[in-house]
Amino acid sequence: MCGISTPAGIRSARKWLKDRRGRELSAEEIVHYGKVVTALGETIRLIGDVDGVIEVNGGWPVK
């Protein structure tokens, strides 16, 4: 993968939920968390796309 650490993003999302354990989330918090998870998923997908383009073009550095 590129230099982006997606596991760090996933850990952050889990910590966000863990910090709110034991209390009911507001509708606004649920929407916010959904957006964060969607963004993480899209980031992971895009990293895969970029990695594929790099590989098809002979690896790093791209010529």
PDB file of N, CA and C in Angstrom:
ATOM      1  N   MET A   1       0.825  -1.192   0.000  1.00  0.00           N
ATOM      2  CA  MET A   1       0.000   0.000   0.000  1.00  0.00           C
ATOM      3  C   MET A   1       0.863   1.247   0.000  1.00  0.00           C
ATOM      4  N   CYS A   2       0.223   2.340  -0.326  1.00  0.00           N
ATOM      5  CA  CYS A   2       0.900   3.634  -0.283  1.00  0.00           C
ATOM      6  C   CYS A   2       1.217   3.989   1.167  1.00  0.00           C
ATOM      7  N   GLY A   3       1.675   5.194   1.401  1.00  0.00           N
ATOM      8  CA  GLY A   3       2.056   5.599   2.739  1.00  0.00           C
ATOM      9  C   GLY A   3       0.904   5.893   3.688  1.00  0.00           C
ATOM     10  N   ILE A   4      -0.327   5.671   3.255  1.00  0.00           N
ATOM     11  CA  ILE A   4      -1.476   5.950   4.116  1.00  0.00           C
ATOM     12  C   ILE A   4      -1.740   4.740   4.994  1.00  0.00           C
ATOM     13  N   SER A   5      -1.885   4.965   6.278  1.00  0.00           N
ATOM     14  CA  SER A   5      -2.116   3.866   7.217  1.00  0.00           C
ATOM     15  C   SER A   5      -3.608   3.720   7.486  1.00  0.00           C
ATOM     16  N   THR A   6      -4.291   2.924   6.665  1.00  0.00           N
ATOM     17  CA  THR A   6      -5.721   2.739   6.875  1.00  0.00           C
ATOM     18  C   THR A   6      -6.031   2.042   8.189  1.00  0.00           C
ATOM     19  N   PRO A   7      -5.172   1.113   8.665  1.00  0.00           N
ATOM     20  CA  PRO A   7      -5.483   0.533   9.981  1.00  0.00           C
ATOM     21  C   PRO A   7      -5.562   1.594  11.080  1.00  0.00           C
ATOM     22  N   ALA A   8      -4.760   2.652  10.963  1.00  0.00           N
ATOM     23  CA  ALA A   8      -4.831   3.732  11.955  1.00  0.00           C
ATOM     24  C   ALA A   8      -6.194   4.408  11.909  1.00  0.00           C
ATOM     25  N   GLY A   9      -6.727   4.592  10.726  1.00  0.00           N
ATOM     26  CA  GLY A   9      -8.059   5.185  10.596  1.00  0.00           C
ATOM     27  C   GLY A   9      -9.128   4.301  11.190  1.00  0.00           C
ATOM     28  N   ILE A  10      -8.996   3.002  10.962  1.00  0.00           N
ATOM     29  CA  ILE A  10      -9.962   2.053  11.510  1.00  0.00           C
ATOM     30  C   ILE A  10      -9.861   2.028  13.032  1.00  0.00           C
ATOM     31  N   ARG A  11      -8.646   2.045  13.550  1.00  0.00           N
ATOM     32  CA  ARG A  11      -8.468   2.092  15.015  1.00  0.00           C
ATOM     33  C   ARG A  11      -9.103   3.353  15.590  1.00  0.00           C
ATOM     34  N   SER A  12      -8.945   4.471  14.893  1.00  0.00           N
ATOM     35  CA  SER A  12      -9.543   5.725  15.365  1.00  0.00           C
ATOM     36  C   SER A  12     -11.061   5.632  15.411  1.00  0.00           C
ATOM     37  N   ALA A  13     -11.653   5.005  14.391  1.00  0.00           N
ATOM     38  CA  ALA A  13     -13.111   4.846  14.360  1.00  0.00           C
ATOM     39  C   ALA A  13     -13.575   3.958  15.514  1.00  0.00           C
ATOM     40  N   ARG A  14     -12.841   2.886  15.763  1.00  0.00           N
ATOM     41  CA  ARG A  14     -13.195   1.998  16.886  1.00  0.00           C
ATOM     42  C   ARG A  14     -13.071   2.734  18.216  1.00  0.00           C
ATOM     43  N   LYS A  15     -11.997   3.534  18.356  1.00  0.00           N
ATOM     44  CA  LYS A  15     -11.804   4.278  19.603  1.00  0.00           C
ATOM     45  C   LYS A  15     -12.933   5.281  19.801  1.00  0.00           C
ATOM     46  N   TRP A  16     -13.363   5.918  18.728  1.00  0.00           N
ATOM     47  CA  TRP A  16     -14.455   6.884  18.810  1.00  0.00           C
ATOM     48  C   TRP A  16     -15.684   6.206  19.398  1.00  0.00           C
ATOM     49  N   LEU A  17     -15.993   5.005  18.911  1.00  0.00           N
ATOM     50  CA  LEU A  17     -17.143   4.269  19.448  1.00  0.00           C
ATOM     51  C   LEU A  17     -16.900   3.848  20.895  1.00  0.00           C
ATOM     52  N   LYS A  18     -15.706   3.329  21.167  1.00  0.00           N
ATOM     53  CA  LYS A  18     -15.384   2.856  22.521  1.00  0.00           C
ATOM     54  C   LYS A  18     -15.519   3.989  23.539  1.00  0.00           C
ATOM     55  N   ASP A  19     -15.093   5.187  23.160  1.00  0.00           N
ATOM     56  CA  ASP A  19     -15.184   6.341  24.057  1.00  0.00           C
ATOM     57  C   ASP A  19     -16.630   6.699  24.392  1.00  0.00           C
ATOM     58  N   ARG A  20     -17.570   6.215  23.590  1.00  0.00           N
ATOM     59  CA  ARG A  20     -18.990   6.519  23.805  1.00  0.00           C
ATOM     60  C   ARG A  20     -19.777   5.317  24.312  1.00  0.00           C
ATOM     61  N   ARG A  21     -19.055   4.252  24.647  1.00  0.00           N
ATOM     62  CA  ARG A  21     -19.710   3.043  25.150  1.00  0.00           C
ATOM     63  C   ARG A  21     -20.505   3.369  26.412  1.00  0.00           C
ATOM     64  N   GLY A  22     -21.692   2.769  26.504  1.00  0.00           N
ATOM     65  CA  GLY A  22     -22.515   2.941  27.690  1.00  0.00           C
ATOM     66  C   GLY A  22     -23.498   4.101  27.616  1.00  0.00           C
ATOM     67  N   ARG A  23     -23.476   4.826  26.531  1.00  0.00           N
ATOM     68  CA  ARG A  23     -24.448   5.909  26.395  1.00  0.00           C
ATOM     69  C   ARG A  23     -25.056   5.867  25.000  1.00  0.00           C
ATOM     70  N   GLU A  24     -26.236   6.408  24.888  1.00  0.00           N
ATOM     71  CA  GLU A  24     -26.934   6.433  23.610  1.00  0.00           C
ATOM     72  C   GLU A  24     -26.348   7.526  22.722  1.00  0.00           C
ATOM     73  N   LEU A  25     -26.082   7.165  21.470  1.00  0.00           N
ATOM     74  CA  LEU A  25     -25.570   8.154  20.523  1.00  0.00           C
ATOM     75  C   LEU A  25     -26.716   9.012  19.999  1.00  0.00           C
ATOM     76  N   SER A  26     -26.427  10.275  19.791  1.00  0.00           N
ATOM     77  CA  SER A  26     -27.429  11.162  19.190  1.00  0.00           C
ATOM     78  C   SER A  26     -27.529  10.849  17.696  1.00  0.00           C
ATOM     79  N   ALA A  27     -28.600  11.299  17.093  1.00  0.00           N
ATOM     80  CA  ALA A  27     -28.773  11.113  15.647  1.00  0.00           C
ATOM     81  C   ALA A  27     -27.617  11.767  14.891  1.00  0.00           C
ATOM     82  N   GLU A  28     -27.192  12.926  15.357  1.00  0.00           N
ATOM     83  CA  GLU A  28     -26.082  13.634  14.716  1.00  0.00           C
ATOM     84  C   GLU A  28     -24.788  12.824  14.801  1.00  0.00           C
ATOM     85  N   GLU A  29     -24.530  12.211  15.956  1.00  0.00           N
ATOM     86  CA  GLU A  29     -23.329  11.387  16.115  1.00  0.00           C
ATOM     87  C   GLU A  29     -23.370  10.155  15.209  1.00  0.00           C
ATOM     88  N   ILE A  30     -24.539   9.554  15.072  1.00  0.00           N
ATOM     89  CA  ILE A  30     -24.684   8.375  14.211  1.00  0.00           C
ATOM     90  C   ILE A  30     -24.411   8.751  12.759  1.00  0.00           C
ATOM     91  N   VAL A  31     -24.952   9.875  12.322  1.00  0.00           N
ATOM     92  CA  VAL A  31     -24.710  10.341  10.951  1.00  0.00           C
ATOM     93  C   VAL A  31     -23.223  10.625  10.757  1.00  0.00           C
ATOM     94  N   HIS A  32     -22.612  11.299  11.722  1.00  0.00           N
ATOM     95  CA  HIS A  32     -21.184  11.621  11.645  1.00  0.00           C
ATOM     96  C   HIS A  32     -20.357  10.346  11.532  1.00  0.00           C
ATOM     97  N   TYR A  33     -20.626   9.373  12.384  1.00  0.00           N
ATOM     98  CA  TYR A  33     -19.870   8.117  12.368  1.00  0.00           C
ATOM     99  C   TYR A  33     -20.058   7.402  11.025  1.00  0.00           C
ATOM    100  N   GLY A  34     -21.267   7.409  10.503  1.00  0.00           N
ATOM    101  CA  GLY A  34     -21.518   6.802   9.197  1.00  0.00           C
ATOM    102  C   GLY A  34     -20.683   7.443   8.100  1.00  0.00           C
ATOM    103  N   LYS A  35     -20.554   8.758   8.152  1.00  0.00           N
ATOM    104  CA  LYS A  35     -19.742   9.468   7.164  1.00  0.00           C
ATOM    105  C   LYS A  35     -18.264   9.107   7.304  1.00  0.00           C
ATOM    106  N   VAL A  36     -17.794   8.990   8.542  1.00  0.00           N
ATOM    107  CA  VAL A  36     -16.396   8.613   8.780  1.00  0.00           C
ATOM    108  C   VAL A  36     -16.123   7.220   8.226  1.00  0.00           C
ATOM    109  N   VAL A  37     -17.005   6.270   8.522  1.00  0.00           N
ATOM    110  CA  VAL A  37     -16.823   4.895   8.052  1.00  0.00           C
ATOM    111  C   VAL A  37     -16.890   4.841   6.523  1.00  0.00           C
ATOM    112  N   THR A  38     -17.801   5.590   5.930  1.00  0.00           N
ATOM    113  CA  THR A  38     -17.894   5.645   4.468  1.00  0.00           C
ATOM    114  C   THR A  38     -16.605   6.206   3.871  1.00  0.00           C
ATOM    115  N   ALA A  39     -16.080   7.262   4.460  1.00  0.00           N
ATOM    116  CA  ALA A  39     -14.832   7.858   3.971  1.00  0.00           C
ATOM    117  C   ALA A  39     -13.671   6.879   4.098  1.00  0.00           C
ATOM    118  N   LEU A  40     -13.607   6.139   5.205  1.00  0.00           N
ATOM    119  CA  LEU A  40     -12.551   5.134   5.362  1.00  0.00           C
ATOM    120  C   LEU A  40     -12.664   4.059   4.286  1.00  0.00           C
ATOM    121  N   GLY A  41     -13.866   3.589   4.039  1.00  0.00           N
ATOM    122  CA  GLY A  41     -14.069   2.575   3.003  1.00  0.00           C
ATOM    123  C   GLY A  41     -13.657   3.076   1.629  1.00  0.00           C
ATOM    124  N   GLU A  42     -14.021   4.305   1.317  1.00  0.00           N
ATOM    125  CA  GLU A  42     -13.663   4.890   0.029  1.00  0.00           C
ATOM    126  C   GLU A  42     -12.153   5.079  -0.075  1.00  0.00           C
ATOM    127  N   THR A  43     -11.507   5.475   1.018  1.00  0.00           N
ATOM    128  CA  THR A  43     -10.053   5.631   1.025  1.00  0.00           C
ATOM    129  C   THR A  43      -9.372   4.300   0.745  1.00  0.00           C
ATOM    130  N   ILE A  44      -9.835   3.246   1.398  1.00  0.00           N
ATOM    131  CA  ILE A  44      -9.262   1.913   1.178  1.00  0.00           C
ATOM    132  C   ILE A  44      -9.443   1.499  -0.286  1.00  0.00           C
ATOM    133  N   ARG A  45     -10.618   1.755  -0.854  1.00  0.00           N
ATOM    134  CA  ARG A  45     -10.870   1.415  -2.256  1.00  0.00           C
ATOM    135  C   ARG A  45      -9.939   2.192  -3.182  1.00  0.00           C
ATOM    136  N   LEU A  46      -9.789   3.487  -2.930  1.00  0.00           N
ATOM    137  CA  LEU A  46      -8.934   4.316  -3.778  1.00  0.00           C
ATOM    138  C   LEU A  46      -7.468   3.904  -3.685  1.00  0.00           C
ATOM    139  N   ILE A  47      -7.017   3.536  -2.503  1.00  0.00           N
ATOM    140  CA  ILE A  47      -5.638   3.066  -2.350  1.00  0.00           C
ATOM    141  C   ILE A  47      -5.418   1.827  -3.210  1.00  0.00           C
ATOM    142  N   GLY A  48      -6.400   0.928  -3.209  1.00  0.00           N
ATOM    143  CA  GLY A  48      -6.306  -0.254  -4.063  1.00  0.00           C
ATOM    144  C   GLY A  48      -6.226   0.118  -5.533  1.00  0.00           C
ATOM    145  N   ASP A  49      -7.030   1.088  -5.954  1.00  0.00           N
ATOM    146  CA  ASP A  49      -6.995   1.553  -7.345  1.00  0.00           C
ATOM    147  C   ASP A  49      -5.621   2.128  -7.697  1.00  0.00           C
ATOM    148  N   VAL A  50      -5.097   2.971  -6.827  1.00  0.00           N
ATOM    149  CA  VAL A  50      -3.784   3.586  -7.063  1.00  0.00           C
ATOM    150  C   VAL A  50      -2.703   2.510  -7.114  1.00  0.00           C
ATOM    151  N   ASP A  51      -2.733   1.577  -6.180  1.00  0.00           N
ATOM    152  CA  ASP A  51      -1.750   0.494  -6.177  1.00  0.00           C
ATOM    153  C   ASP A  51      -1.809  -0.308  -7.472  1.00  0.00           C
ATOM    154  N   GLY A  52      -3.028  -0.538  -7.975  1.00  0.00           N
ATOM    155  CA  GLY A  52      -3.183  -1.261  -9.236  1.00  0.00           C
ATOM    156  C   GLY A  52      -2.567  -0.511 -10.405  1.00  0.00           C
ATOM    157  N   VAL A  53      -2.788   0.789 -10.473  1.00  0.00           N
ATOM    158  CA  VAL A  53      -2.215   1.609 -11.548  1.00  0.00           C
ATOM    159  C   VAL A  53      -0.693   1.594 -11.465  1.00  0.00           C
ATOM    160  N   ILE A  54      -0.160   1.695 -10.270  1.00  0.00           N
ATOM    161  CA  ILE A  54       1.298   1.669 -10.101  1.00  0.00           C
ATOM    162  C   ILE A  54       1.853   0.336 -10.592  1.00  0.00           C
ATOM    163  N   GLU A  55       1.213  -0.757 -10.206  1.00  0.00           N
ATOM    164  CA  GLU A  55       1.700  -2.076 -10.610  1.00  0.00           C
ATOM    165  C   GLU A  55       1.628  -2.262 -12.124  1.00  0.00           C
ATOM    166  N   VAL A  56       0.514  -1.863 -12.741  1.00  0.00           N
ATOM    167  CA  VAL A  56       0.349  -1.995 -14.196  1.00  0.00           C
ATOM    168  C   VAL A  56       1.422  -1.201 -14.938  1.00  0.00           C
ATOM    169  N   ASN A  57       1.899  -0.130 -14.324  1.00  0.00           N
ATOM    170  CA  ASN A  57       2.892   0.734 -14.964  1.00  0.00           C
ATOM    171  C   ASN A  57       4.318   0.438 -14.527  1.00  0.00           C
ATOM    172  N   GLY A  58       4.554  -0.762 -14.035  1.00  0.00           N
ATOM    173  CA  GLY A  58       5.925  -1.193 -13.752  1.00  0.00           C
ATOM    174  C   GLY A  58       6.408  -0.978 -12.338  1.00  0.00           C
ATOM    175  N   GLY A  59       5.527  -0.648 -11.432  1.00  0.00           N
ATOM    176  CA  GLY A  59       5.932  -0.487 -10.036  1.00  0.00           C
ATOM    177  C   GLY A  59       6.378   0.920  -9.709  1.00  0.00           C
ATOM    178  N   TRP A  60       6.967   1.032  -8.547  1.00  0.00           N
ATOM    179  CA  TRP A  60       7.378   2.334  -8.038  1.00  0.00           C
ATOM    180  C   TRP A  60       8.856   2.524  -8.248  1.00  0.00           C
ATOM    181  N   PRO A  61       9.381   3.635  -8.639  1.00  0.00           N
ATOM    182  CA  PRO A  61       8.627   4.826  -9.008  1.00  0.00           C
ATOM    183  C   PRO A  61       8.000   4.662 -10.387  1.00  0.00           C
ATOM    184  N   VAL A  62       6.856   5.306 -10.572  1.00  0.00           N
ATOM    185  CA  VAL A  62       6.158   5.263 -11.850  1.00  0.00           C
ATOM    186  C   VAL A  62       6.995   6.038 -12.859  1.00  0.00           C
ATOM    187  N   LYS A  63       7.178   5.435 -14.010  1.00  0.00           N
ATOM    188  CA  LYS A  63       8.007   6.079 -15.048  1.00  0.00           C
ATOM    189  C   LYS A  63       7.148   6.807 -16.047  1.00  0.00           C
TER     190      LYS A  63
END
